[in-house]
Amino acid sequence: RVLDSGVVGLAIRGEVPLTGLVSRGCQPLSDAFRARGARIEFEDDNDQLVIPELDTGGGATIKPIELAIKAQEQMDRRFGMFSGVRLQPDNGYILEDIDQRSFHPGGGLRLAWERRDMVPSPLESERVSSLDYCEVRLFQLNPAACKADLKQLLGFVRNQCEEQHEVVLGSLMFTCGGRGARFFGGEECADANCFQE
């Protein structure tokens, strides 16, 4: 039976430590590039991250759409492309799926931006906020990278439990419907199998 809505809850009594993990296995399709002229354009309910061009070094630049076209040459067309954006050099990337509509006529990248907590609050009169640091890299979901990422995370939990002499009592897994047999080349329950190992 398939349900298309609902709520799942879990109640645990006592002092039971919980470890939350998020796994997403992406493979890079490009190098990382600093953005030039990156800014957030603030709208009432539709903030936009605008990236006009990328710095390739030595004063040269490339338009984000040119980078995406180059990345398409090596990507597996069964899976979409994601832009990875980070606003600090030591943070992870925020991933956003991209397609033709993500690029404006000049070849720049335009993404919906819901993370106002990550940029300085604009003054009431300001509609645009320039970004001091913005880095862009293109990614693609990859079945092998997904498995490797999940195994690495589970290995971290296993090692932590061994170091602290703790025992794992169980696990609860929520997986994306897209991470099914079709994504993993016919392998059924690939994510669950990682937990069993």
N, C-alpha and C. Protein backbone atom coordinates (compact mmCIF):
# COMPACT_ATOMS: atom_id res chain seq x y z
N ARG A 1 0.84 -1.18 0.00
CA ARG A 1 0.00 0.00 0.00
C ARG A 1 0.88 1.23 0.00
N VAL A 2 0.58 2.20 -0.84
CA VAL A 2 1.35 3.43 -0.94
C VAL A 2 0.51 4.58 -0.41
N LEU A 3 1.09 5.35 0.51
CA LEU A 3 0.43 6.53 1.05
C LEU A 3 1.12 7.76 0.50
N ASP A 4 0.33 8.76 0.13
CA ASP A 4 0.95 9.98 -0.40
C ASP A 4 0.94 11.14 0.58
N SER A 5 0.52 10.88 1.80
CA SER A 5 0.58 11.90 2.84
C SER A 5 0.51 11.22 4.19
N GLY A 6 0.84 11.96 5.23
CA GLY A 6 0.77 11.41 6.57
C GLY A 6 1.90 11.92 7.44
N VAL A 7 1.95 11.41 8.65
CA VAL A 7 2.95 11.81 9.62
C VAL A 7 3.52 10.55 10.24
N VAL A 8 4.81 10.56 10.47
CA VAL A 8 5.46 9.45 11.15
C VAL A 8 6.04 9.98 12.45
N GLY A 9 5.79 9.27 13.53
CA GLY A 9 6.31 9.68 14.83
C GLY A 9 7.01 8.53 15.51
N LEU A 10 7.94 8.85 16.40
CA LEU A 10 8.66 7.85 17.15
C LEU A 10 8.82 8.36 18.57
N ALA A 11 8.39 7.58 19.53
CA ALA A 11 8.53 7.96 20.93
C ALA A 11 9.52 7.00 21.60
N ILE A 12 10.51 7.55 22.28
CA ILE A 12 11.50 6.73 22.97
C ILE A 12 11.57 7.23 24.41
N ARG A 13 11.40 6.33 25.34
CA ARG A 13 11.41 6.69 26.75
C ARG A 13 12.80 6.48 27.34
N GLY A 14 13.17 7.34 28.27
CA GLY A 14 14.44 7.20 28.95
C GLY A 14 15.54 8.02 28.30
N GLU A 15 16.72 7.84 28.81
CA GLU A 15 17.85 8.60 28.29
C GLU A 15 18.54 7.80 27.20
N VAL A 16 17.96 7.85 26.03
CA VAL A 16 18.49 7.11 24.88
C VAL A 16 19.16 8.11 23.95
N PRO A 17 20.46 8.00 23.74
CA PRO A 17 21.13 8.93 22.82
C PRO A 17 20.74 8.62 21.37
N LEU A 18 20.51 9.67 20.62
CA LEU A 18 20.15 9.52 19.21
C LEU A 18 21.20 10.22 18.35
N THR A 19 21.48 9.63 17.22
CA THR A 19 22.41 10.22 16.27
C THR A 19 21.67 10.41 14.96
N GLY A 20 21.58 11.64 14.49
CA GLY A 20 20.92 11.90 13.22
C GLY A 20 21.96 12.04 12.11
N LEU A 21 21.71 11.40 10.99
CA LEU A 21 22.61 11.46 9.85
C LEU A 21 21.83 11.85 8.60
N VAL A 22 22.46 12.62 7.75
CA VAL A 22 21.88 12.94 6.44
C VAL A 22 22.90 12.53 5.40
N SER A 23 22.49 11.69 4.49
CA SER A 23 23.40 11.20 3.47
C SER A 23 22.93 11.66 2.10
N ARG A 24 23.86 12.20 1.33
CA ARG A 24 23.57 12.57 -0.06
C ARG A 24 24.86 12.35 -0.82
N GLY A 25 24.85 11.44 -1.72
CA GLY A 25 26.07 11.12 -2.46
C GLY A 25 26.11 11.81 -3.80
N CYS A 26 26.93 12.81 -3.90
CA CYS A 26 27.08 13.54 -5.15
C CYS A 26 28.50 13.43 -5.65
N GLN A 27 28.62 13.45 -6.95
CA GLN A 27 29.93 13.45 -7.58
C GLN A 27 30.13 14.79 -8.25
N PRO A 28 31.29 15.40 -8.06
CA PRO A 28 31.54 16.71 -8.69
C PRO A 28 31.58 16.60 -10.22
N LEU A 29 31.00 17.58 -10.88
CA LEU A 29 31.05 17.68 -12.34
C LEU A 29 31.97 18.80 -12.79
N SER A 30 32.42 19.61 -11.83
CA SER A 30 33.29 20.73 -12.17
C SER A 30 34.21 21.02 -11.00
N ASP A 31 35.20 21.85 -11.26
CA ASP A 31 36.01 22.40 -10.17
C ASP A 31 35.17 23.44 -9.43
N ALA A 32 35.67 23.91 -8.31
CA ALA A 32 35.01 24.98 -7.56
C ALA A 32 35.54 26.32 -8.06
N PHE A 33 34.65 27.28 -8.24
CA PHE A 33 35.01 28.61 -8.72
C PHE A 33 34.42 29.68 -7.82
N ARG A 34 35.20 30.73 -7.55
CA ARG A 34 34.67 31.89 -6.84
C ARG A 34 33.76 32.66 -7.78
N ALA A 35 32.64 33.10 -7.26
CA ALA A 35 31.70 33.89 -8.06
C ALA A 35 32.12 35.35 -8.07
N ARG A 36 31.87 36.00 -9.17
CA ARG A 36 32.11 37.44 -9.29
C ARG A 36 30.77 38.15 -9.39
N GLY A 37 30.60 39.17 -8.56
CA GLY A 37 29.36 39.95 -8.61
C GLY A 37 28.16 39.23 -8.02
N ALA A 38 28.39 38.22 -7.19
CA ALA A 38 27.27 37.47 -6.60
C ALA A 38 26.48 38.36 -5.66
N ARG A 39 25.17 38.19 -5.69
CA ARG A 39 24.31 39.01 -4.85
C ARG A 39 23.00 38.28 -4.57
N ILE A 40 22.36 38.71 -3.50
CA ILE A 40 21.01 38.24 -3.18
C ILE A 40 20.06 39.38 -3.52
N GLU A 41 19.07 39.08 -4.33
CA GLU A 41 18.01 40.05 -4.64
C GLU A 41 16.80 39.68 -3.79
N PHE A 42 16.43 40.59 -2.91
CA PHE A 42 15.36 40.32 -1.96
C PHE A 42 14.01 40.70 -2.54
N GLU A 43 13.13 39.75 -2.58
CA GLU A 43 11.73 39.97 -2.96
C GLU A 43 10.89 39.53 -1.77
N ASP A 44 9.62 39.85 -1.78
CA ASP A 44 8.78 39.52 -0.63
C ASP A 44 8.87 38.05 -0.24
N ASP A 45 8.54 37.16 -1.14
CA ASP A 45 8.60 35.73 -0.86
C ASP A 45 9.42 34.98 -1.89
N ASN A 46 10.29 35.67 -2.58
CA ASN A 46 10.99 35.04 -3.69
C ASN A 46 12.41 35.59 -3.82
N ASP A 47 13.23 35.43 -2.75
CA ASP A 47 14.61 35.89 -2.80
C ASP A 47 15.37 35.09 -3.86
N GLN A 48 16.29 35.74 -4.54
CA GLN A 48 17.06 35.11 -5.60
C GLN A 48 18.55 35.31 -5.37
N LEU A 49 19.33 34.23 -5.53
CA LEU A 49 20.78 34.31 -5.55
C LEU A 49 21.17 34.46 -7.01
N VAL A 50 21.88 35.53 -7.33
CA VAL A 50 22.27 35.82 -8.71
C VAL A 50 23.79 35.74 -8.81
N ILE A 51 24.27 34.92 -9.74
CA ILE A 51 25.70 34.75 -9.96
C ILE A 51 25.99 35.04 -11.42
N PRO A 52 26.48 36.26 -11.74
CA PRO A 52 26.69 36.64 -13.14
C PRO A 52 27.84 35.90 -13.82
N GLU A 53 28.96 35.69 -13.09
CA GLU A 53 30.10 35.03 -13.72
C GLU A 53 30.98 34.40 -12.66
N LEU A 54 31.89 33.53 -13.11
CA LEU A 54 32.78 32.79 -12.22
C LEU A 54 34.23 33.11 -12.57
N ASP A 55 35.05 33.25 -11.55
CA ASP A 55 36.46 33.59 -11.72
C ASP A 55 37.25 32.31 -11.96
N THR A 56 37.92 32.21 -13.12
CA THR A 56 38.71 31.02 -13.44
C THR A 56 40.20 31.23 -13.19
N GLY A 57 40.57 32.39 -12.66
CA GLY A 57 41.97 32.68 -12.34
C GLY A 57 42.63 33.55 -13.40
N GLY A 58 43.60 34.30 -12.97
CA GLY A 58 44.35 35.16 -13.88
C GLY A 58 43.51 36.24 -14.52
N GLY A 59 42.43 36.64 -13.87
CA GLY A 59 41.57 37.68 -14.41
C GLY A 59 40.53 37.18 -15.40
N ALA A 60 40.58 35.90 -15.75
CA ALA A 60 39.61 35.34 -16.70
C ALA A 60 38.34 34.91 -15.98
N THR A 61 37.24 34.93 -16.70
CA THR A 61 35.95 34.51 -16.14
C THR A 61 35.25 33.57 -17.11
N ILE A 62 34.24 32.89 -16.58
CA ILE A 62 33.38 32.03 -17.38
C ILE A 62 31.95 32.25 -16.89
N LYS A 63 31.01 32.21 -17.81
CA LYS A 63 29.60 32.32 -17.44
C LYS A 63 29.15 30.98 -16.85
N PRO A 64 28.30 31.00 -15.83
CA PRO A 64 27.81 29.75 -15.27
C PRO A 64 27.19 28.81 -16.31
N ILE A 65 26.51 29.35 -17.30
CA ILE A 65 25.91 28.47 -18.30
C ILE A 65 26.98 27.74 -19.12
N GLU A 66 28.12 28.38 -19.34
CA GLU A 66 29.22 27.73 -20.05
C GLU A 66 29.77 26.57 -19.22
N LEU A 67 29.88 26.79 -17.91
CA LEU A 67 30.35 25.73 -17.02
C LEU A 67 29.37 24.55 -17.05
N ALA A 68 28.08 24.85 -17.04
CA ALA A 68 27.06 23.79 -17.07
C ALA A 68 27.12 23.01 -18.37
N ILE A 69 27.34 23.68 -19.49
CA ILE A 69 27.43 23.00 -20.78
C ILE A 69 28.63 22.05 -20.79
N LYS A 70 29.76 22.50 -20.25
CA LYS A 70 30.94 21.62 -20.16
C LYS A 70 30.65 20.42 -19.25
N ALA A 71 29.96 20.67 -18.15
CA ALA A 71 29.64 19.59 -17.20
C ALA A 71 28.71 18.56 -17.82
N GLN A 72 27.81 19.00 -18.70
CA GLN A 72 26.88 18.07 -19.34
C GLN A 72 27.59 17.02 -20.17
N GLU A 73 28.76 17.36 -20.68
CA GLU A 73 29.51 16.42 -21.51
C GLU A 73 29.95 15.18 -20.74
N GLN A 74 30.11 15.29 -19.43
CA GLN A 74 30.57 14.15 -18.65
C GLN A 74 29.50 13.57 -17.72
N MET A 75 28.31 14.14 -17.71
CA MET A 75 27.31 13.67 -16.76
C MET A 75 26.50 12.49 -17.29
N ASP A 76 25.98 11.73 -16.37
CA ASP A 76 25.05 10.64 -16.67
C ASP A 76 23.68 11.27 -16.83
N ARG A 77 23.12 11.23 -18.00
CA ARG A 77 21.88 11.95 -18.28
C ARG A 77 20.65 11.39 -17.56
N ARG A 78 20.80 10.26 -16.88
CA ARG A 78 19.68 9.73 -16.11
C ARG A 78 19.41 10.57 -14.86
N PHE A 79 20.43 11.31 -14.42
CA PHE A 79 20.32 12.06 -13.18
C PHE A 79 20.53 13.54 -13.44
N GLY A 80 19.89 14.38 -12.67
CA GLY A 80 19.97 15.81 -12.86
C GLY A 80 21.27 16.42 -12.39
N MET A 81 21.39 17.71 -12.64
CA MET A 81 22.57 18.46 -12.23
C MET A 81 22.18 19.38 -11.07
N PHE A 82 23.12 19.55 -10.15
CA PHE A 82 22.91 20.42 -9.00
C PHE A 82 24.00 21.48 -8.97
N SER A 83 23.61 22.69 -8.60
CA SER A 83 24.61 23.70 -8.30
C SER A 83 24.89 23.60 -6.81
N GLY A 84 26.16 23.62 -6.47
CA GLY A 84 26.56 23.67 -5.08
C GLY A 84 27.06 25.08 -4.80
N VAL A 85 26.50 25.70 -3.79
CA VAL A 85 26.89 27.07 -3.44
C VAL A 85 27.30 27.09 -1.98
N ARG A 86 28.42 27.73 -1.71
CA ARG A 86 28.78 27.94 -0.30
C ARG A 86 29.24 29.37 -0.12
N LEU A 87 28.85 29.94 1.01
CA LEU A 87 29.12 31.35 1.28
C LEU A 87 30.27 31.54 2.25
N GLN A 88 30.87 30.45 2.69
CA GLN A 88 32.08 30.50 3.51
C GLN A 88 32.98 29.36 3.06
N PRO A 89 34.29 29.58 2.99
CA PRO A 89 35.17 28.56 2.43
C PRO A 89 35.22 27.25 3.21
N ASP A 90 34.88 27.28 4.49
CA ASP A 90 34.97 26.05 5.29
C ASP A 90 33.61 25.39 5.52
N ASN A 91 32.56 25.87 4.86
CA ASN A 91 31.24 25.26 4.97
C ASN A 91 31.01 24.26 3.85
N GLY A 92 30.00 23.43 4.01
CA GLY A 92 29.60 22.53 2.94
C GLY A 92 28.78 23.29 1.90
N TYR A 93 28.46 22.61 0.83
CA TYR A 93 27.70 23.21 -0.25
C TYR A 93 26.20 23.06 -0.01
N ILE A 94 25.46 24.09 -0.34
CA ILE A 94 24.00 24.01 -0.39
C ILE A 94 23.66 23.63 -1.82
N LEU A 95 22.96 22.51 -1.99
CA LEU A 95 22.67 21.99 -3.32
C LEU A 95 21.28 22.41 -3.78
N GLU A 96 21.20 22.80 -5.02
CA GLU A 96 19.94 23.20 -5.65
C GLU A 96 19.93 22.62 -7.06
N ASP A 97 18.85 21.89 -7.40
CA ASP A 97 18.83 21.34 -8.75
C ASP A 97 18.66 22.46 -9.77
N ILE A 98 19.31 22.30 -10.91
CA ILE A 98 19.28 23.35 -11.93
C ILE A 98 18.88 22.76 -13.27
N ASP A 99 18.28 23.60 -14.09
CA ASP A 99 17.94 23.25 -15.47
C ASP A 99 18.01 24.53 -16.29
N GLN A 100 17.50 24.51 -17.50
CA GLN A 100 17.60 25.69 -18.38
C GLN A 100 17.03 26.95 -17.74
N ARG A 101 15.96 26.79 -16.97
CA ARG A 101 15.31 27.96 -16.37
C ARG A 101 16.16 28.62 -15.29
N SER A 102 17.23 27.95 -14.86
CA SER A 102 18.11 28.49 -13.82
C SER A 102 19.07 29.56 -14.34
N PHE A 103 19.12 29.74 -15.65
CA PHE A 103 20.06 30.67 -16.26
C PHE A 103 19.31 31.83 -16.89
N HIS A 104 19.79 33.04 -16.66
CA HIS A 104 19.13 34.19 -17.29
C HIS A 104 19.80 34.48 -18.62
N PRO A 105 19.22 35.32 -19.46
CA PRO A 105 19.71 35.52 -20.83
C PRO A 105 21.20 35.85 -20.96
N GLY A 106 21.80 36.49 -19.99
CA GLY A 106 23.23 36.80 -20.08
C GLY A 106 24.14 35.63 -19.74
N GLY A 107 23.56 34.47 -19.38
CA GLY A 107 24.36 33.30 -19.04
C GLY A 107 24.67 33.14 -17.57
N GLY A 108 24.16 34.07 -16.75
CA GLY A 108 24.36 33.97 -15.31
C GLY A 108 23.40 32.98 -14.69
N LEU A 109 23.68 32.61 -13.46
CA LEU A 109 22.88 31.65 -12.72
C LEU A 109 21.96 32.40 -11.77
N ARG A 110 20.71 31.97 -11.69
CA ARG A 110 19.72 32.59 -10.81
C ARG A 110 19.00 31.46 -10.07
N LEU A 111 19.14 31.46 -8.74
CA LEU A 111 18.57 30.39 -7.92
C LEU A 111 17.64 30.96 -6.86
N ALA A 112 16.59 30.21 -6.56
CA ALA A 112 15.74 30.58 -5.43
C ALA A 112 16.60 30.47 -4.17
N TRP A 113 16.47 31.44 -3.27
CA TRP A 113 17.30 31.48 -2.06
C TRP A 113 16.41 31.62 -0.85
N GLU A 114 16.37 30.59 -0.03
CA GLU A 114 15.51 30.59 1.15
C GLU A 114 16.30 30.69 2.45
N ARG A 115 17.58 31.01 2.36
CA ARG A 115 18.45 31.00 3.53
C ARG A 115 18.83 32.40 3.97
N ARG A 116 17.86 33.22 4.35
CA ARG A 116 18.16 34.58 4.80
C ARG A 116 19.07 34.60 6.02
N ASP A 117 19.07 33.50 6.78
CA ASP A 117 19.92 33.44 7.98
C ASP A 117 21.41 33.39 7.63
N MET A 118 21.74 33.14 6.37
CA MET A 118 23.14 33.00 5.98
C MET A 118 23.75 34.27 5.40
N VAL A 119 22.95 35.30 5.22
CA VAL A 119 23.46 36.56 4.68
C VAL A 119 23.08 37.69 5.62
N PRO A 120 23.82 38.78 5.58
CA PRO A 120 23.47 39.92 6.43
C PRO A 120 22.05 40.41 6.11
N SER A 121 21.31 40.76 7.13
CA SER A 121 19.96 41.26 6.91
C SER A 121 20.00 42.58 6.16
N PRO A 122 19.20 42.69 5.11
CA PRO A 122 19.20 43.95 4.36
C PRO A 122 18.46 45.03 5.14
N LEU A 123 18.86 46.28 4.89
CA LEU A 123 18.08 47.38 5.44
C LEU A 123 16.73 47.39 4.74
N GLU A 124 15.75 48.01 5.37
CA GLU A 124 14.39 48.04 4.82
C GLU A 124 14.38 48.56 3.39
N SER A 125 15.25 49.53 3.10
CA SER A 125 15.25 50.15 1.78
C SER A 125 16.06 49.35 0.75
N GLU A 126 16.90 48.42 1.21
CA GLU A 126 17.75 47.67 0.28
C GLU A 126 17.01 46.49 -0.31
N ARG A 127 17.19 46.29 -1.58
CA ARG A 127 16.58 45.14 -2.26
C ARG A 127 17.65 44.17 -2.74
N VAL A 128 18.93 44.55 -2.59
CA VAL A 128 20.04 43.72 -3.06
C VAL A 128 21.14 43.70 -2.00
N SER A 129 21.75 42.55 -1.79
CA SER A 129 22.88 42.44 -0.86
C SER A 129 24.02 41.73 -1.58
N SER A 130 25.16 42.41 -1.74
CA SER A 130 26.33 41.79 -2.36
C SER A 130 26.95 40.79 -1.40
N LEU A 131 27.54 39.74 -1.95
CA LEU A 131 28.15 38.70 -1.14
C LEU A 131 29.67 38.82 -1.19
N ASP A 132 30.31 38.81 -0.02
CA ASP A 132 31.77 38.89 0.03
C ASP A 132 32.41 37.61 -0.49
N TYR A 133 31.81 36.48 -0.16
CA TYR A 133 32.36 35.20 -0.59
C TYR A 133 31.23 34.34 -1.13
N CYS A 134 31.42 33.79 -2.30
CA CYS A 134 30.45 32.85 -2.88
C CYS A 134 31.23 31.93 -3.80
N GLU A 135 31.10 30.66 -3.56
CA GLU A 135 31.79 29.66 -4.37
C GLU A 135 30.76 28.73 -5.00
N VAL A 136 31.01 28.34 -6.24
CA VAL A 136 30.07 27.51 -6.99
C VAL A 136 30.80 26.28 -7.52
N ARG A 137 30.13 25.15 -7.42
CA ARG A 137 30.62 23.90 -8.00
C ARG A 137 29.41 23.11 -8.46
N LEU A 138 29.51 22.43 -9.59
CA LEU A 138 28.39 21.65 -10.11
C LEU A 138 28.56 20.19 -9.71
N PHE A 139 27.42 19.56 -9.38
CA PHE A 139 27.40 18.18 -8.90
C PHE A 139 26.31 17.39 -9.61
N GLN A 140 26.40 16.07 -9.43
CA GLN A 140 25.35 15.17 -9.91
C GLN A 140 25.22 14.03 -8.91
N LEU A 141 23.97 13.63 -8.64
CA LEU A 141 23.77 12.45 -7.81
C LEU A 141 24.39 11.26 -8.51
N ASN A 142 24.93 10.35 -7.73
CA ASN A 142 25.62 9.20 -8.30
C ASN A 142 25.39 8.00 -7.38
N PRO A 143 24.91 6.86 -7.91
CA PRO A 143 24.61 5.72 -7.05
C PRO A 143 25.81 5.24 -6.23
N ALA A 144 26.97 5.13 -6.85
CA ALA A 144 28.16 4.67 -6.12
C ALA A 144 28.55 5.67 -5.03
N ALA A 145 28.45 6.97 -5.34
CA ALA A 145 28.78 7.99 -4.34
C ALA A 145 27.77 7.97 -3.20
N CYS A 146 26.50 7.69 -3.51
CA CYS A 146 25.48 7.61 -2.46
C CYS A 146 25.80 6.48 -1.48
N LYS A 147 26.14 5.32 -2.03
CA LYS A 147 26.49 4.18 -1.16
C LYS A 147 27.74 4.48 -0.35
N ALA A 148 28.76 5.05 -0.99
CA ALA A 148 30.00 5.35 -0.29
C ALA A 148 29.77 6.36 0.83
N ASP A 149 28.94 7.37 0.58
CA ASP A 149 28.65 8.39 1.59
C ASP A 149 27.93 7.76 2.78
N LEU A 150 26.92 6.95 2.50
CA LEU A 150 26.16 6.32 3.59
C LEU A 150 27.05 5.37 4.39
N LYS A 151 27.88 4.58 3.70
CA LYS A 151 28.78 3.67 4.42
C LYS A 151 29.78 4.43 5.27
N GLN A 152 30.26 5.56 4.77
CA GLN A 152 31.20 6.37 5.55
C GLN A 152 30.52 6.91 6.82
N LEU A 153 29.29 7.41 6.67
CA LEU A 153 28.57 7.93 7.83
C LEU A 153 28.28 6.83 8.85
N LEU A 154 27.85 5.67 8.37
CA LEU A 154 27.57 4.55 9.28
C LEU A 154 28.85 4.06 9.94
N GLY A 155 29.96 4.09 9.20
CA GLY A 155 31.25 3.71 9.78
C GLY A 155 31.67 4.66 10.89
N PHE A 156 31.37 5.94 10.69
CA PHE A 156 31.67 6.93 11.72
C PHE A 156 30.88 6.61 13.00
N VAL A 157 29.60 6.27 12.86
CA VAL A 157 28.78 5.94 14.02
C VAL A 157 29.32 4.67 14.69
N ARG A 158 29.68 3.68 13.89
CA ARG A 158 30.22 2.42 14.44
C ARG A 158 31.49 2.70 15.25
N ASN A 159 32.40 3.48 14.67
CA ASN A 159 33.65 3.79 15.38
C ASN A 159 33.40 4.58 16.66
N GLN A 160 32.46 5.52 16.58
CA GLN A 160 32.14 6.32 17.77
C GLN A 160 31.58 5.42 18.88
N CYS A 161 30.72 4.48 18.51
CA CYS A 161 30.15 3.57 19.51
C CYS A 161 31.24 2.69 20.14
N GLU A 162 32.16 2.20 19.31
CA GLU A 162 33.24 1.36 19.83
C GLU A 162 34.14 2.15 20.77
N GLU A 163 34.46 3.39 20.41
CA GLU A 163 35.33 4.21 21.25
C GLU A 163 34.68 4.53 22.60
N GLN A 164 33.37 4.71 22.60
CA GLN A 164 32.66 5.08 23.81
C GLN A 164 32.00 3.88 24.49
N HIS A 165 32.28 2.68 23.99
CA HIS A 165 31.74 1.43 24.54
C HIS A 165 30.22 1.47 24.61
N GLU A 166 29.60 1.92 23.53
CA GLU A 166 28.14 1.97 23.44
C GLU A 166 27.66 0.89 22.49
N VAL A 167 26.39 0.58 22.60
CA VAL A 167 25.77 -0.43 21.74
C VAL A 167 24.64 0.23 20.96
N VAL A 168 24.59 -0.05 19.68
CA VAL A 168 23.49 0.45 18.86
C VAL A 168 22.28 -0.44 19.10
N LEU A 169 21.19 0.17 19.54
CA LEU A 169 19.98 -0.60 19.83
C LEU A 169 19.12 -0.81 18.58
N GLY A 170 19.28 0.05 17.62
CA GLY A 170 18.48 -0.07 16.40
C GLY A 170 18.67 1.16 15.54
N SER A 171 17.95 1.17 14.45
CA SER A 171 18.03 2.33 13.56
C SER A 171 16.69 2.55 12.89
N LEU A 172 16.48 3.76 12.49
CA LEU A 172 15.27 4.14 11.78
C LEU A 172 15.73 4.92 10.55
N MET A 173 15.32 4.48 9.39
CA MET A 173 15.80 5.09 8.16
C MET A 173 14.62 5.63 7.35
N PHE A 174 14.74 6.88 6.92
CA PHE A 174 13.83 7.48 5.96
C PHE A 174 14.64 7.72 4.71
N THR A 175 14.20 7.20 3.61
CA THR A 175 14.96 7.38 2.38
C THR A 175 14.11 8.04 1.32
N CYS A 176 14.76 8.73 0.44
CA CYS A 176 14.08 9.39 -0.66
C CYS A 176 13.54 8.34 -1.61
N GLY A 177 12.35 8.57 -2.12
CA GLY A 177 11.74 7.64 -3.08
C GLY A 177 12.56 7.49 -4.35
N GLY A 178 13.41 8.48 -4.64
CA GLY A 178 14.25 8.40 -5.83
C GLY A 178 15.43 7.46 -5.67
N ARG A 179 15.72 7.05 -4.43
CA ARG A 179 16.86 6.15 -4.18
C ARG A 179 16.38 4.70 -4.17
N GLY A 180 15.67 4.33 -5.20
CA GLY A 180 15.15 2.97 -5.31
C GLY A 180 15.98 2.11 -6.25
N ALA A 181 15.41 0.98 -6.63
CA ALA A 181 16.11 0.02 -7.47
C ALA A 181 16.52 0.62 -8.81
N ARG A 182 15.69 1.46 -9.36
CA ARG A 182 16.02 2.06 -10.65
C ARG A 182 17.28 2.93 -10.55
N PHE A 183 17.37 3.70 -9.48
CA PHE A 183 18.54 4.55 -9.28
C PHE A 183 19.81 3.72 -9.06
N PHE A 184 19.67 2.61 -8.31
CA PHE A 184 20.82 1.79 -7.97
C PHE A 184 21.05 0.64 -8.95
N GLY A 185 20.60 0.80 -10.18
CA GLY A 185 20.89 -0.18 -11.22
C GLY A 185 20.25 -1.54 -10.99
N GLY A 186 19.05 -1.55 -10.40
CA GLY A 186 18.32 -2.80 -10.18
C GLY A 186 18.46 -3.38 -8.79
N GLU A 187 19.37 -2.86 -7.98
CA GLU A 187 19.54 -3.38 -6.62
C GLU A 187 18.40 -2.92 -5.73
N GLU A 188 17.69 -3.88 -5.17
CA GLU A 188 16.59 -3.59 -4.26
C GLU A 188 17.13 -3.23 -2.88
N CYS A 189 16.52 -2.27 -2.24
CA CYS A 189 16.82 -1.90 -0.84
C CYS A 189 18.30 -1.61 -0.61
N ALA A 190 18.92 -0.89 -1.53
CA ALA A 190 20.36 -0.62 -1.43
C ALA A 190 20.71 0.13 -0.15
N ASP A 191 19.91 1.13 0.22
CA ASP A 191 20.20 1.87 1.45
C ASP A 191 20.07 0.97 2.67
N ALA A 192 19.00 0.18 2.73
CA ALA A 192 18.78 -0.71 3.87
C ALA A 192 19.90 -1.74 3.97
N ASN A 193 20.40 -2.21 2.83
CA ASN A 193 21.49 -3.19 2.85
C ASN A 193 22.74 -2.61 3.51
N CYS A 194 22.98 -1.31 3.34
CA CYS A 194 24.14 -0.67 3.99
C CYS A 194 24.00 -0.75 5.51
N PHE A 195 22.78 -0.60 6.01
CA PHE A 195 22.56 -0.68 7.45
C PHE A 195 22.80 -2.10 7.95
N GLN A 196 22.45 -3.10 7.14
CA GLN A 196 22.62 -4.50 7.57
C GLN A 196 24.08 -4.90 7.62
N GLU A 197 24.91 -4.28 6.80
CA GLU A 197 26.34 -4.61 6.82
C GLU A 197 26.91 -4.12 8.12
